[in-house]
Protein backbone atom coordinates (compact mmCIF):
# COMPACT_ATOMS: atom_id res chain seq x y z
CA ILE A 1 -160.91 -22.34 -96.68
CA LYS A 2 -161.79 -18.77 -95.67
CA GLU A 3 -162.76 -20.53 -92.35
CA GLU A 4 -159.26 -21.44 -91.72
CA GLU A 5 -158.11 -17.98 -92.38
CA ASP A 6 -160.79 -16.47 -90.39
CA PHE A 7 -159.62 -18.66 -87.28
CA LYS A 8 -155.76 -17.98 -87.93
CA ASN A 9 -156.64 -14.20 -88.12
CA LEU A 10 -158.29 -14.51 -85.02
CA ASN A 11 -155.61 -16.46 -83.23
CA ASN A 12 -152.97 -13.90 -84.33
CA ASN A 13 -155.44 -11.32 -83.08
CA LYS A 14 -153.76 -9.29 -80.21
CA GLU A 15 -156.82 -8.61 -78.49
CA VAL A 16 -157.20 -12.28 -78.10
CA GLN A 17 -153.88 -13.33 -77.50
CA GLU A 18 -154.26 -10.85 -74.30
CA LEU A 19 -157.38 -12.51 -73.44
CA ASN A 20 -156.05 -16.05 -73.36
CA LEU A 21 -152.92 -14.76 -71.47
CA LYS A 22 -155.27 -13.33 -68.89
CA VAL A 23 -157.26 -16.58 -68.63
CA LYS A 24 -154.38 -18.28 -68.25
CA GLN A 25 -152.79 -15.99 -65.28
CA ALA A 26 -156.68 -16.31 -63.79
CA LEU A 27 -156.39 -20.20 -63.80
CA ALA A 28 -152.92 -20.23 -62.31
CA GLU A 29 -154.18 -18.21 -59.40
CA LYS A 30 -157.18 -20.21 -58.70
CA GLU A 31 -154.87 -23.32 -58.42
CA GLN A 32 -152.30 -21.90 -56.32
CA GLU A 33 -155.69 -20.81 -54.14
CA LEU A 34 -156.98 -24.52 -54.17
CA LYS A 35 -153.57 -25.99 -53.12
CA PRO A 36 -153.32 -26.70 -49.54
CA GLU A 37 -151.94 -24.57 -47.08
CA SER A 38 -148.02 -25.15 -46.07
CA GLY A 39 -147.87 -26.97 -42.72
CA GLY A 40 -145.30 -24.54 -41.22
CA VAL A 41 -142.31 -25.57 -39.25
CA PHE A 42 -142.96 -26.88 -35.74
CA LEU A 43 -139.74 -26.35 -33.18
CA ILE A 44 -140.08 -28.89 -30.46
CA MET A 45 -137.43 -28.08 -27.40
CA GLY A 46 -138.42 -31.15 -24.93
CA LYS A 47 -139.57 -34.52 -24.86
CA THR A 48 -142.59 -33.30 -23.14
CA LEU A 49 -145.68 -31.22 -24.11
CA GLY A 50 -146.40 -28.07 -21.67
CA ARG A 51 -145.34 -27.75 -17.82
CA GLY A 52 -145.94 -29.67 -14.82
CA ASP A 53 -146.36 -33.07 -14.78
CA ASP A 54 -143.78 -34.71 -17.06
CA LYS A 55 -145.79 -38.05 -17.59
CA LEU A 56 -148.94 -36.31 -18.83
CA GLY A 57 -146.49 -34.00 -21.10
CA GLY A 58 -145.10 -37.49 -22.21
CA ILE A 59 -148.64 -38.49 -23.20
CA LEU A 60 -149.52 -35.32 -24.80
CA ILE A 61 -146.41 -34.81 -26.98
CA LYS A 62 -146.89 -38.62 -28.50
CA GLY A 63 -150.34 -37.59 -29.12
CA PHE A 64 -149.49 -34.31 -30.81
CA LEU A 65 -147.22 -35.66 -32.97
CA ALA A 66 -149.55 -38.58 -33.90
CA GLY A 67 -152.22 -36.14 -34.69
CA LEU A 68 -149.55 -34.32 -36.85
CA ALA A 69 -148.75 -37.63 -38.44
CA ARG A 70 -152.33 -37.66 -39.66
CA SER A 71 -153.06 -33.85 -40.33
CA GLU A 72 -153.38 -32.05 -43.98
CA PRO A 73 -151.33 -30.35 -44.57
CA VAL A 74 -148.34 -31.85 -42.89
CA PRO A 75 -145.73 -29.87 -41.54
CA GLU A 76 -142.70 -28.80 -43.82
CA SER A 77 -140.41 -29.20 -41.21
CA ILE A 78 -139.97 -30.85 -37.47
CA ILE A 79 -137.08 -29.30 -35.52
CA LEU A 80 -135.96 -31.16 -32.62
CA LEU A 81 -133.87 -29.08 -30.39
CA ASN A 82 -132.46 -29.82 -26.39
CA ASP A 83 -134.47 -32.46 -24.73
CA GLY A 84 -136.73 -32.81 -27.77
CA VAL A 85 -134.04 -34.59 -29.43
CA LYS A 86 -135.04 -37.69 -27.04
CA LEU A 87 -138.31 -38.14 -29.18
CA ALA A 88 -136.39 -39.20 -32.32
CA LEU A 89 -134.79 -42.03 -30.35
CA PHE A 90 -135.12 -45.13 -32.26
CA ASP A 91 -136.90 -47.32 -28.88
CA SER A 92 -138.77 -43.86 -27.90
CA SER A 93 -142.54 -44.26 -28.16
CA THR A 94 -142.46 -41.02 -30.25
CA CYS A 95 -140.01 -42.34 -33.27
CA ASP A 96 -142.77 -44.31 -35.29
CA HIS A 97 -144.56 -41.34 -35.57
CA LEU A 98 -141.43 -39.05 -36.72
CA LYS A 99 -141.08 -41.73 -39.10
CA ASP A 100 -144.62 -41.77 -40.60
CA LEU A 101 -144.18 -37.71 -41.15
CA GLU A 102 -141.05 -38.22 -43.04
CA ALA A 103 -142.75 -40.96 -45.02
CA ARG A 104 -145.20 -38.56 -45.79
CA GLY A 105 -142.70 -35.53 -46.70
CA THR A 106 -141.93 -33.79 -43.45
CA GLN A 107 -138.35 -33.02 -42.80
CA ILE A 108 -137.08 -33.83 -39.41
CA LEU A 109 -134.25 -31.78 -38.10
CA ILE A 110 -132.36 -33.08 -35.05
CA SER A 111 -129.62 -30.87 -33.50
CA GLY A 112 -126.34 -32.56 -33.57
CA VAL A 113 -125.21 -30.31 -30.78
CA CYS A 114 -128.23 -31.80 -28.28
CA THR A 115 -127.33 -35.40 -29.53
CA SER A 116 -123.95 -35.17 -28.81
CA HIS A 117 -124.22 -33.29 -25.55
CA PHE A 118 -126.54 -36.25 -24.72
CA GLY A 119 -124.55 -38.93 -26.07
CA ILE A 120 -127.12 -40.42 -28.24
CA THR A 121 -126.02 -39.41 -31.88
CA ASP A 122 -125.62 -43.34 -32.62
CA SER A 123 -129.17 -44.05 -31.27
CA ILE A 124 -131.31 -41.26 -33.70
CA GLY A 125 -134.23 -43.90 -35.39
CA ALA A 126 -135.93 -40.79 -37.51
CA GLY A 127 -135.01 -37.44 -39.28
CA VAL A 128 -131.48 -36.38 -39.91
CA ILE A 129 -128.60 -34.83 -37.82
CA ALA A 130 -128.35 -31.07 -38.47
CA ASN A 131 -126.36 -28.18 -37.38
CA ILE A 132 -127.62 -24.65 -36.13
CA TYR A 133 -127.08 -23.05 -39.86
CA GLU A 134 -129.05 -25.50 -41.47
CA ILE A 135 -131.70 -25.02 -38.84
CA VAL A 136 -131.48 -21.32 -38.89
CA ASP A 137 -132.16 -21.59 -42.45
CA VAL A 138 -135.03 -23.45 -42.17
CA ILE A 139 -136.50 -21.12 -39.88
CA ASN A 140 -135.73 -18.15 -41.62
CA LYS A 141 -137.29 -19.50 -44.96
CA ALA A 142 -140.57 -20.53 -43.49
CA ASN A 143 -144.19 -19.23 -43.36
CA LYS A 144 -144.99 -20.23 -40.25
CA VAL A 145 -142.97 -21.26 -37.36
CA VAL A 146 -144.68 -22.88 -34.14
CA SER A 147 -142.47 -23.49 -30.98
CA LEU A 148 -143.41 -26.19 -28.41
């Protein structure tokens, strides 16, 4: 019985409680350090990667999206603007990579203004149509934005 009382007194001790709190905080910080870093936001404004040869640029963007789909961590979001919205067309060679990214948790936002401009809104096969305010909100909240 005395051992039980000593144990209760020890647990009620303010110094022990403070030490327990410090240990819990240190464990929480260490857990946070071990979490994978955010993949950030990728802003893609064209259906090719780089400037110059469009055929080569098309091959590069397809390879880039395939690489992103296999990367760790995956991007938080991919935003498609201007000619980049064509990457999400259901019959494009890049649509499957975007679907893979979606399946892994990446948010794919496609500019509705751009799809309307090109007359392709009904042909989008991956992602969701977004307005500029939603796009700006995602960019503003991102820790890192990569523009292509």
